[in-house]
Amino acid sequence: MPHSYETFQVEARGNVHWLTLNRPEMLNAINTRMAGELAEYFGGLYHDRDCRVVVMRGAGRAFCAGLDIKAAGEGEKPFGGGFGFQGYLADVYQKMRRCPQPIIALVHGAACGGGLAFALAADIRIAGESVRMNAAFIRLGLSSCDMGVSYFLPRLVGLSVASELMLTGRFIHAQRALATGLVSEVVPDADLEAAAQPYIDEMLSAAPMGLRLTKEGLNLAVDAPGLEAAMAIENRNQVLCARSADFAEGLRAFLEKRPPVYKDA
């Protein structure tokens, strides 16, 4: 079972973790404790074979309003690889990307700055109709190139739209987020949990190794220097999957026209 955390809740429903950021009175803004707890949680997923999918959402009126500016400078001063809090929080997004479980972000209300980055670091984003996202950093006298936004955003929406959003800090709302490919679908806020279920069901119907290696391979292929490098990753992953007992079970189930029963072996 997941550990107990102060700044978010994790509910295990079978092989799915439902992670709910839980500082609703602060619109789930990020403080030092949240950064440390999220880094611990996502770092621990790398060797967790029971959890196969993570759903990330926010309690209350917002997904995550970004950095808790009022709390900045309070409490412990993390080393963060030599960059202090900057590096401490940045580590969370790297661990989200590195964990083998697909992450579905259910985004509603404000998703600003570091909160936008949480959504971008997920693998699939579903938006509530109330969503409003922006690269808030630039409105505070900072650069919008922060917390992986300069990496994730242009890969999702293209350089032109990413430049617009990052250079101005303007908000993008639900329907434009859908039109630009930033999110997969838009639903009423009350329907976000139900909207995630078909994605979860289809992911859980895949072989565990196949699901893990698809996330890994896709992320590596996005940065591959060319077709040969991408195909080398594909070849490696397919050989690993083809040697598994689950592949044999998948073939039998397909021929017998029945759902496969995978054992992650």
C-alpha atoms as a PDB file:
ATOM      1  CA  MET A   1       0.000   0.000   0.000  1.00  0.00           C
ATOM      2  CA  PRO A   2       1.150   3.596  -0.659  1.00  0.00           C
ATOM      3  CA  HIS A   3       2.681   5.601   2.163  1.00  0.00           C
ATOM      4  CA  SER A   4       0.768   8.350   3.934  1.00  0.00           C
ATOM      5  CA  TYR A   5       1.691  11.881   2.851  1.00  0.00           C
ATOM      6  CA  GLU A   6       0.853  15.288   4.251  1.00  0.00           C
ATOM      7  CA  THR A   7       0.376  17.249   1.010  1.00  0.00           C
ATOM      8  CA  PHE A   8      -1.412  14.691  -1.140  1.00  0.00           C
ATOM      9  CA  GLN A   9      -3.366  11.476  -0.842  1.00  0.00           C
ATOM     10  CA  VAL A  10      -2.727   8.231  -2.694  1.00  0.00           C
ATOM     11  CA  GLU A  11      -5.546   5.724  -2.954  1.00  0.00           C
ATOM     12  CA  ALA A  12      -4.741   2.307  -4.419  1.00  0.00           C
ATOM     13  CA  ARG A  13      -7.606   0.874  -6.430  1.00  0.00           C
ATOM     14  CA  GLY A  14      -6.274  -2.440  -7.622  1.00  0.00           C
ATOM     15  CA  ASN A  15      -3.281  -1.699  -9.821  1.00  0.00           C
ATOM     16  CA  VAL A  16      -4.095   2.005 -10.116  1.00  0.00           C
ATOM     17  CA  HIS A  17      -2.914   4.786  -7.812  1.00  0.00           C
ATOM     18  CA  TRP A  18      -5.201   7.802  -7.563  1.00  0.00           C
ATOM     19  CA  LEU A  19      -2.962  10.677  -6.428  1.00  0.00           C
ATOM     20  CA  THR A  20      -4.863  13.756  -5.225  1.00  0.00           C
ATOM     21  CA  LEU A  21      -2.935  16.924  -4.427  1.00  0.00           C
ATOM     22  CA  ASN A  22      -4.474  17.943  -1.123  1.00  0.00           C
ATOM     23  CA  ARG A  23      -3.833  21.559  -0.223  1.00  0.00           C
ATOM     24  CA  PRO A  24      -7.192  22.850  -1.484  1.00  0.00           C
ATOM     25  CA  GLU A  25      -7.133  25.955   0.705  1.00  0.00           C
ATOM     26  CA  MET A  26      -4.001  27.010  -1.223  1.00  0.00           C
ATOM     27  CA  LEU A  27      -5.271  25.780  -4.606  1.00  0.00           C
ATOM     28  CA  ASN A  28      -2.808  22.887  -4.179  1.00  0.00           C
ATOM     29  CA  ALA A  29       0.148  25.233  -4.497  1.00  0.00           C
ATOM     30  CA  ILE A  30       3.580  23.649  -4.205  1.00  0.00           C
ATOM     31  CA  ASN A  31       5.594  24.039  -1.025  1.00  0.00           C
ATOM     32  CA  THR A  32       8.815  22.399   0.103  1.00  0.00           C
ATOM     33  CA  ARG A  33       7.002  19.517   1.783  1.00  0.00           C
ATOM     34  CA  MET A  34       4.980  18.751  -1.341  1.00  0.00           C
ATOM     35  CA  ALA A  35       8.089  18.774  -3.530  1.00  0.00           C
ATOM     36  CA  GLY A  36       9.870  16.356  -1.206  1.00  0.00           C
ATOM     37  CA  GLU A  37       6.897  14.042  -0.845  1.00  0.00           C
ATOM     38  CA  LEU A  38       6.203  13.931  -4.587  1.00  0.00           C
ATOM     39  CA  ALA A  39       9.861  13.178  -5.300  1.00  0.00           C
ATOM     40  CA  GLU A  40       9.748  10.345  -2.784  1.00  0.00           C
ATOM     41  CA  TYR A  41       6.512   8.967  -4.215  1.00  0.00           C
ATOM     42  CA  PHE A  42       7.425   9.085  -7.910  1.00  0.00           C
ATOM     43  CA  GLY A  43      10.953   7.880  -7.202  1.00  0.00           C
ATOM     44  CA  GLY A  44       9.544   4.851  -5.397  1.00  0.00           C
ATOM     45  CA  LEU A  45       7.372   3.904  -8.367  1.00  0.00           C
ATOM     46  CA  TYR A  46      10.389   2.886 -10.441  1.00  0.00           C
ATOM     47  CA  HIS A  47      10.568  -0.495  -8.689  1.00  0.00           C
ATOM     48  CA  ASP A  48       6.838  -0.878  -7.920  1.00  0.00           C
ATOM     49  CA  ARG A  49       5.391  -3.769  -9.937  1.00  0.00           C
ATOM     50  CA  ASP A  50       1.954  -3.600  -8.302  1.00  0.00           C
ATOM     51  CA  CYS A  51       1.129  -0.085  -9.474  1.00  0.00           C
ATOM     52  CA  ARG A  52       0.559  -0.004 -13.233  1.00  0.00           C
ATOM     53  CA  VAL A  53      -1.158   3.368 -13.788  1.00  0.00           C
ATOM     54  CA  VAL A  54      -1.173   6.661 -11.861  1.00  0.00           C
ATOM     55  CA  VAL A  55      -4.035   9.170 -12.021  1.00  0.00           C
ATOM     56  CA  MET A  56      -3.033  12.630 -10.781  1.00  0.00           C
ATOM     57  CA  ARG A  57      -5.577  15.298  -9.841  1.00  0.00           C
ATOM     58  CA  GLY A  58      -6.186  18.159  -7.427  1.00  0.00           C
ATOM     59  CA  ALA A  59      -8.640  18.539  -4.551  1.00  0.00           C
ATOM     60  CA  GLY A  60     -10.977  21.512  -4.441  1.00  0.00           C
ATOM     61  CA  ARG A  61     -11.208  24.250  -7.067  1.00  0.00           C
ATOM     62  CA  ALA A  62      -7.892  23.758  -8.838  1.00  0.00           C
ATOM     63  CA  PHE A  63      -5.408  21.222 -10.118  1.00  0.00           C
ATOM     64  CA  CYS A  64      -2.358  23.172  -8.922  1.00  0.00           C
ATOM     65  CA  ALA A  65      -1.825  26.923  -8.881  1.00  0.00           C
ATOM     66  CA  GLY A  66       1.957  26.609  -9.008  1.00  0.00           C
ATOM     67  CA  LEU A  67       4.484  27.602  -6.377  1.00  0.00           C
ATOM     68  CA  ASP A  68       3.155  28.659  -2.992  1.00  0.00           C
ATOM     69  CA  ILE A  69       4.765  32.098  -3.085  1.00  0.00           C
ATOM     70  CA  LYS A  70       3.610  32.940   0.425  1.00  0.00           C
ATOM     71  CA  ALA A  71       5.490  29.938   1.783  1.00  0.00           C
ATOM     72  CA  ALA A  72       8.645  30.534  -0.254  1.00  0.00           C
ATOM     73  CA  GLY A  73      11.710  30.694   1.971  1.00  0.00           C
ATOM     74  CA  GLU A  74       9.996  29.105   4.940  1.00  0.00           C
ATOM     75  CA  GLY A  75      11.157  25.903   6.595  1.00  0.00           C
ATOM     76  CA  GLU A  76      14.036  23.745   5.442  1.00  0.00           C
ATOM     77  CA  LYS A  77      16.373  24.830   2.653  1.00  0.00           C
ATOM     78  CA  PRO A  78      16.932  21.772   0.449  1.00  0.00           C
ATOM     79  CA  PHE A  79      20.202  21.284  -1.380  1.00  0.00           C
ATOM     80  CA  GLY A  80      18.514  20.281  -4.629  1.00  0.00           C
ATOM     81  CA  GLY A  81      21.700  19.179  -6.361  1.00  0.00           C
ATOM     82  CA  GLY A  82      23.275  22.547  -5.582  1.00  0.00           C
ATOM     83  CA  PHE A  83      20.381  24.589  -6.979  1.00  0.00           C
ATOM     84  CA  GLY A  84      18.428  24.804  -3.729  1.00  0.00           C
ATOM     85  CA  PHE A  85      14.652  24.627  -4.079  1.00  0.00           C
ATOM     86  CA  GLN A  86      14.925  25.054  -7.864  1.00  0.00           C
ATOM     87  CA  GLY A  87      16.705  21.728  -8.248  1.00  0.00           C
ATOM     88  CA  TYR A  88      14.674  20.121  -5.469  1.00  0.00           C
ATOM     89  CA  LEU A  89      11.380  20.716  -7.280  1.00  0.00           C
ATOM     90  CA  ALA A  90      12.805  20.049 -10.756  1.00  0.00           C
ATOM     91  CA  ASP A  91      13.668  16.547  -9.575  1.00  0.00           C
ATOM     92  CA  VAL A  92       9.947  15.763  -9.244  1.00  0.00           C
ATOM     93  CA  TYR A  93       9.274  16.247 -12.960  1.00  0.00           C
ATOM     94  CA  GLN A  94      12.244  14.101 -13.927  1.00  0.00           C
ATOM     95  CA  LYS A  95      10.965  11.318 -11.681  1.00  0.00           C
ATOM     96  CA  MET A  96       7.479  11.608 -13.162  1.00  0.00           C
ATOM     97  CA  ARG A  97       8.985  11.113 -16.602  1.00  0.00           C
ATOM     98  CA  ARG A  98      11.234   8.281 -15.463  1.00  0.00           C
ATOM     99  CA  CYS A  99       8.643   6.223 -13.595  1.00  0.00           C
ATOM    100  CA  PRO A 100       7.460   3.304 -15.755  1.00  0.00           C
ATOM    101  CA  GLN A 101       3.760   3.782 -14.991  1.00  0.00           C
ATOM    102  CA  PRO A 102       1.721   5.928 -17.403  1.00  0.00           C
ATOM    103  CA  ILE A 103       0.412   9.042 -15.657  1.00  0.00           C
ATOM    104  CA  ILE A 104      -3.041  10.426 -16.472  1.00  0.00           C
ATOM    105  CA  ALA A 105      -3.533  14.033 -15.350  1.00  0.00           C
ATOM    106  CA  LEU A 106      -7.098  15.154 -14.642  1.00  0.00           C
ATOM    107  CA  VAL A 107      -6.768  18.920 -14.874  1.00  0.00           C
ATOM    108  CA  HIS A 108      -9.389  21.396 -13.708  1.00  0.00           C
ATOM    109  CA  GLY A 109      -9.345  25.000 -12.601  1.00  0.00           C
ATOM    110  CA  ALA A 110      -5.934  26.609 -12.340  1.00  0.00           C
ATOM    111  CA  ALA A 111      -2.887  24.735 -13.620  1.00  0.00           C
ATOM    112  CA  CYS A 112      -0.238  27.430 -13.518  1.00  0.00           C
ATOM    113  CA  GLY A 113       3.556  27.479 -13.469  1.00  0.00           C
ATOM    114  CA  GLY A 114       4.692  24.349 -11.695  1.00  0.00           C
ATOM    115  CA  GLY A 115       1.110  23.070 -11.861  1.00  0.00           C
ATOM    116  CA  LEU A 116       1.163  23.376 -15.644  1.00  0.00           C
ATOM    117  CA  ALA A 117       4.440  21.469 -15.543  1.00  0.00           C
ATOM    118  CA  PHE A 118       2.771  18.632 -13.572  1.00  0.00           C
ATOM    119  CA  ALA A 119       0.198  18.313 -16.343  1.00  0.00           C
ATOM    120  CA  LEU A 120       2.857  18.431 -19.064  1.00  0.00           C
ATOM    121  CA  ALA A 121       4.990  15.768 -17.355  1.00  0.00           C
ATOM    122  CA  ALA A 122       2.029  13.386 -17.378  1.00  0.00           C
ATOM    123  CA  ASP A 123       1.507  11.071 -20.344  1.00  0.00           C
ATOM    124  CA  ILE A 124      -2.174  11.820 -20.973  1.00  0.00           C
ATOM    125  CA  ARG A 125      -4.119  14.932 -20.007  1.00  0.00           C
ATOM    126  CA  ILE A 126      -7.896  15.163 -19.656  1.00  0.00           C
ATOM    127  CA  ALA A 127      -9.252  18.649 -19.014  1.00  0.00           C
ATOM    128  CA  GLY A 128     -12.283  19.806 -17.102  1.00  0.00           C
ATOM    129  CA  GLU A 129     -14.251  22.628 -18.673  1.00  0.00           C
ATOM    130  CA  SER A 130     -13.003  25.023 -15.988  1.00  0.00           C
ATOM    131  CA  VAL A 131      -9.328  24.542 -16.782  1.00  0.00           C
ATOM    132  CA  ARG A 132      -7.054  27.538 -17.243  1.00  0.00           C
ATOM    133  CA  MET A 133      -3.352  26.868 -17.751  1.00  0.00           C
ATOM    134  CA  ASN A 134      -0.437  29.212 -18.131  1.00  0.00           C
ATOM    135  CA  ALA A 135       3.322  29.512 -17.851  1.00  0.00           C
ATOM    136  CA  ALA A 136       2.993  31.890 -14.926  1.00  0.00           C
ATOM    137  CA  PHE A 137       6.730  32.191 -14.316  1.00  0.00           C
ATOM    138  CA  ILE A 138       7.189  35.048 -16.785  1.00  0.00           C
ATOM    139  CA  ARG A 139       4.533  37.120 -15.027  1.00  0.00           C
ATOM    140  CA  LEU A 140       6.642  37.049 -11.872  1.00  0.00           C
ATOM    141  CA  GLY A 141       9.825  38.393 -13.433  1.00  0.00           C
ATOM    142  CA  LEU A 142      11.233  34.945 -14.190  1.00  0.00           C
ATOM    143  CA  SER A 143      11.849  32.965 -17.355  1.00  0.00           C
ATOM    144  CA  SER A 144       9.087  30.672 -18.605  1.00  0.00           C
ATOM    145  CA  CYS A 145      11.765  28.077 -19.251  1.00  0.00           C
ATOM    146  CA  ASP A 146      11.247  26.279 -15.952  1.00  0.00           C
ATOM    147  CA  MET A 147      10.333  22.855 -14.538  1.00  0.00           C
ATOM    148  CA  GLY A 148      10.560  21.168 -17.929  1.00  0.00           C
ATOM    149  CA  VAL A 149       8.017  23.453 -19.619  1.00  0.00           C
ATOM    150  CA  SER A 150      10.463  24.433 -22.385  1.00  0.00           C
ATOM    151  CA  TYR A 151      10.976  20.714 -23.058  1.00  0.00           C
ATOM    152  CA  PHE A 152       7.421  19.393 -22.809  1.00  0.00           C
ATOM    153  CA  LEU A 153       5.274  22.187 -24.217  1.00  0.00           C
ATOM    154  CA  PRO A 154       6.744  22.572 -27.743  1.00  0.00           C
ATOM    155  CA  ARG A 155       6.696  18.794 -28.158  1.00  0.00           C
ATOM    156  CA  LEU A 156       2.984  18.793 -27.377  1.00  0.00           C
ATOM    157  CA  VAL A 157       1.679  21.890 -29.162  1.00  0.00           C
ATOM    158  CA  GLY A 158       4.493  22.912 -31.526  1.00  0.00           C
ATOM    159  CA  LEU A 159       7.008  25.718 -31.277  1.00  0.00           C
ATOM    160  CA  SER A 160       4.750  28.560 -32.395  1.00  0.00           C
ATOM    161  CA  VAL A 161       1.993  27.996 -29.824  1.00  0.00           C
ATOM    162  CA  ALA A 162       4.547  27.163 -27.129  1.00  0.00           C
ATOM    163  CA  SER A 163       6.377  30.413 -27.866  1.00  0.00           C
ATOM    164  CA  GLU A 164       3.145  32.378 -27.639  1.00  0.00           C
ATOM    165  CA  LEU A 165       2.190  30.870 -24.298  1.00  0.00           C
ATOM    166  CA  MET A 166       5.658  31.057 -22.763  1.00  0.00           C
ATOM    167  CA  LEU A 167       6.581  34.555 -23.953  1.00  0.00           C
ATOM    168  CA  THR A 168       3.285  36.118 -22.863  1.00  0.00           C
ATOM    169  CA  GLY A 169       2.180  34.003 -19.899  1.00  0.00           C
ATOM    170  CA  ARG A 170      -1.343  34.156 -21.316  1.00  0.00           C
ATOM    171  CA  PHE A 171      -3.876  31.532 -20.299  1.00  0.00           C
ATOM    172  CA  ILE A 172      -5.013  28.670 -22.479  1.00  0.00           C
ATOM    173  CA  HIS A 173      -8.497  27.369 -21.758  1.00  0.00           C
ATOM    174  CA  ALA A 174     -10.184  24.029 -22.338  1.00  0.00           C
ATOM    175  CA  GLN A 175     -11.304  24.199 -25.958  1.00  0.00           C
ATOM    176  CA  ARG A 176      -8.082  25.696 -27.295  1.00  0.00           C
ATOM    177  CA  ALA A 177      -6.082  23.196 -25.237  1.00  0.00           C
ATOM    178  CA  LEU A 178      -8.037  20.476 -27.019  1.00  0.00           C
ATOM    179  CA  ALA A 179      -7.602  22.084 -30.446  1.00  0.00           C
ATOM    180  CA  THR A 180      -3.823  22.372 -30.016  1.00  0.00           C
ATOM    181  CA  GLY A 181      -3.407  18.787 -28.783  1.00  0.00           C
ATOM    182  CA  LEU A 182      -2.423  19.837 -25.277  1.00  0.00           C
ATOM    183  CA  VAL A 183      -5.193  17.631 -23.856  1.00  0.00           C
ATOM    184  CA  SER A 184      -6.887  14.487 -25.160  1.00  0.00           C
ATOM    185  CA  GLU A 185     -10.444  15.503 -24.319  1.00  0.00           C
ATOM    186  CA  VAL A 186     -12.543  18.023 -22.431  1.00  0.00           C
ATOM    187  CA  VAL A 187     -15.362  17.009 -20.107  1.00  0.00           C
ATOM    188  CA  PRO A 188     -17.429  18.670 -17.364  1.00  0.00           C
ATOM    189  CA  ASP A 189     -15.391  18.876 -14.174  1.00  0.00           C
ATOM    190  CA  ALA A 190     -17.741  16.450 -12.421  1.00  0.00           C
ATOM    191  CA  ASP A 191     -17.048  13.824 -15.107  1.00  0.00           C
ATOM    192  CA  LEU A 192     -13.251  13.827 -14.935  1.00  0.00           C
ATOM    193  CA  GLU A 193     -12.932  10.641 -12.887  1.00  0.00           C
ATOM    194  CA  ALA A 194     -15.348   8.770 -15.150  1.00  0.00           C
ATOM    195  CA  ALA A 195     -13.521  10.050 -18.234  1.00  0.00           C
ATOM    196  CA  ALA A 196     -10.270   8.531 -16.989  1.00  0.00           C
ATOM    197  CA  GLN A 197     -11.724   5.046 -16.613  1.00  0.00           C
ATOM    198  CA  PRO A 198     -11.678   3.969 -20.299  1.00  0.00           C
ATOM    199  CA  TYR A 199      -7.989   4.912 -20.521  1.00  0.00           C
ATOM    200  CA  ILE A 200      -7.271   2.947 -17.347  1.00  0.00           C
ATOM    201  CA  ASP A 201      -9.215  -0.094 -18.533  1.00  0.00           C
ATOM    202  CA  GLU A 202      -7.400  -0.209 -21.862  1.00  0.00           C
ATOM    203  CA  MET A 203      -3.984   0.226 -20.239  1.00  0.00           C
ATOM    204  CA  LEU A 204      -4.693  -2.537 -17.739  1.00  0.00           C
ATOM    205  CA  SER A 205      -5.711  -4.823 -20.586  1.00  0.00           C
ATOM    206  CA  ALA A 206      -2.141  -4.592 -21.926  1.00  0.00           C
ATOM    207  CA  ALA A 207       0.693  -6.810 -20.718  1.00  0.00           C
ATOM    208  CA  PRO A 208       2.466  -5.087 -17.813  1.00  0.00           C
ATOM    209  CA  MET A 209       5.875  -5.248 -19.496  1.00  0.00           C
ATOM    210  CA  GLY A 210       4.432  -4.037 -22.778  1.00  0.00           C
ATOM    211  CA  LEU A 211       2.845  -1.054 -21.044  1.00  0.00           C
ATOM    212  CA  ARG A 212       6.028  -0.114 -19.174  1.00  0.00           C
ATOM    213  CA  LEU A 213       8.253  -0.451 -22.222  1.00  0.00           C
ATOM    214  CA  THR A 214       5.842   1.518 -24.398  1.00  0.00           C
ATOM    215  CA  LYS A 215       6.092   4.520 -22.074  1.00  0.00           C
ATOM    216  CA  GLU A 216       9.864   4.160 -21.917  1.00  0.00           C
ATOM    217  CA  GLY A 217      10.257   3.651 -25.657  1.00  0.00           C
ATOM    218  CA  LEU A 218       7.995   6.536 -26.580  1.00  0.00           C
ATOM    219  CA  ASN A 219       9.856   8.955 -24.328  1.00  0.00           C
ATOM    220  CA  LEU A 220      13.218   7.819 -25.685  1.00  0.00           C
ATOM    221  CA  ALA A 221      12.030   7.960 -29.298  1.00  0.00           C
ATOM    222  CA  VAL A 222      10.881  11.568 -28.914  1.00  0.00           C
ATOM    223  CA  ASP A 223      14.508  12.502 -28.224  1.00  0.00           C
ATOM    224  CA  ALA A 224      16.139   9.993 -30.565  1.00  0.00           C
ATOM    225  CA  PRO A 225      18.592  11.554 -33.021  1.00  0.00           C
ATOM    226  CA  GLY A 226      17.069   9.651 -35.925  1.00  0.00           C
ATOM    227  CA  LEU A 227      15.053   6.704 -37.164  1.00  0.00           C
ATOM    228  CA  GLU A 228      17.810   4.157 -36.563  1.00  0.00           C
ATOM    229  CA  ALA A 229      18.138   5.106 -32.902  1.00  0.00           C
ATOM    230  CA  ALA A 230      14.369   4.974 -32.405  1.00  0.00           C
ATOM    231  CA  MET A 231      14.141   1.585 -34.091  1.00  0.00           C
ATOM    232  CA  ALA A 232      17.018   0.232 -32.010  1.00  0.00           C
ATOM    233  CA  ILE A 233      14.937   1.038 -28.914  1.00  0.00           C
ATOM    234  CA  GLU A 234      11.884  -0.571 -30.512  1.00  0.00           C
ATOM    235  CA  ASN A 235      13.829  -3.709 -31.420  1.00  0.00           C
ATOM    236  CA  ARG A 236      15.208  -4.059 -27.903  1.00  0.00           C
ATOM    237  CA  ASN A 237      11.790  -3.621 -26.316  1.00  0.00           C
ATOM    238  CA  GLN A 238      10.058  -6.058 -28.674  1.00  0.00           C
ATOM    239  CA  VAL A 239      12.694  -8.746 -28.089  1.00  0.00           C
ATOM    240  CA  LEU A 240      12.235  -8.363 -24.329  1.00  0.00           C
ATOM    241  CA  CYS A 241       8.449  -8.594 -24.621  1.00  0.00           C
ATOM    242  CA  ALA A 242       8.531 -11.479 -27.099  1.00  0.00           C
ATOM    243  CA  ARG A 243      10.543 -13.594 -24.649  1.00  0.00           C
ATOM    244  CA  SER A 244       7.947 -13.192 -21.895  1.00  0.00           C
ATOM    245  CA  ALA A 245       5.259 -15.662 -20.885  1.00  0.00           C
ATOM    246  CA  ASP A 246       2.748 -12.841 -21.212  1.00  0.00           C
ATOM    247  CA  PHE A 247       3.401 -12.621 -24.953  1.00  0.00           C
ATOM    248  CA  ALA A 248       2.593 -16.318 -25.330  1.00  0.00           C
ATOM    249  CA  GLU A 249      -0.566 -15.762 -23.277  1.00  0.00           C
ATOM    250  CA  GLY A 250      -1.495 -12.755 -25.389  1.00  0.00           C
ATOM    251  CA  LEU A 251      -1.211 -14.801 -28.584  1.00  0.00           C
ATOM    252  CA  ARG A 252      -3.279 -17.654 -27.154  1.00  0.00           C
ATOM    253  CA  ALA A 253      -5.955 -15.265 -25.933  1.00  0.00           C
ATOM    254  CA  PHE A 254      -6.118 -13.559 -29.321  1.00  0.00           C
ATOM    255  CA  LEU A 255      -6.532 -16.865 -31.170  1.00  0.00           C
ATOM    256  CA  GLU A 256      -9.048 -18.130 -28.623  1.00  0.00           C
ATOM    257  CA  LYS A 257     -10.977 -14.839 -28.737  1.00  0.00           C
ATOM    258  CA  ARG A 258     -10.851 -14.277 -24.971  1.00  0.00           C
ATOM    259  CA  PRO A 259      -9.336 -11.642 -22.667  1.00  0.00           C
ATOM    260  CA  PRO A 260      -5.719 -12.429 -21.788  1.00  0.00           C
ATOM    261  CA  VAL A 261      -4.697 -13.207 -18.227  1.00  0.00           C
ATOM    262  CA  TYR A 262      -1.303 -11.618 -17.774  1.00  0.00           C
ATOM    263  CA  LYS A 263       1.061 -12.457 -14.897  1.00  0.00           C
ATOM    264  CA  ASP A 264       3.849  -9.964 -15.576  1.00  0.00           C
ATOM    265  CA  ALA A 265       6.178 -12.833 -16.420  1.00  0.00           C
END
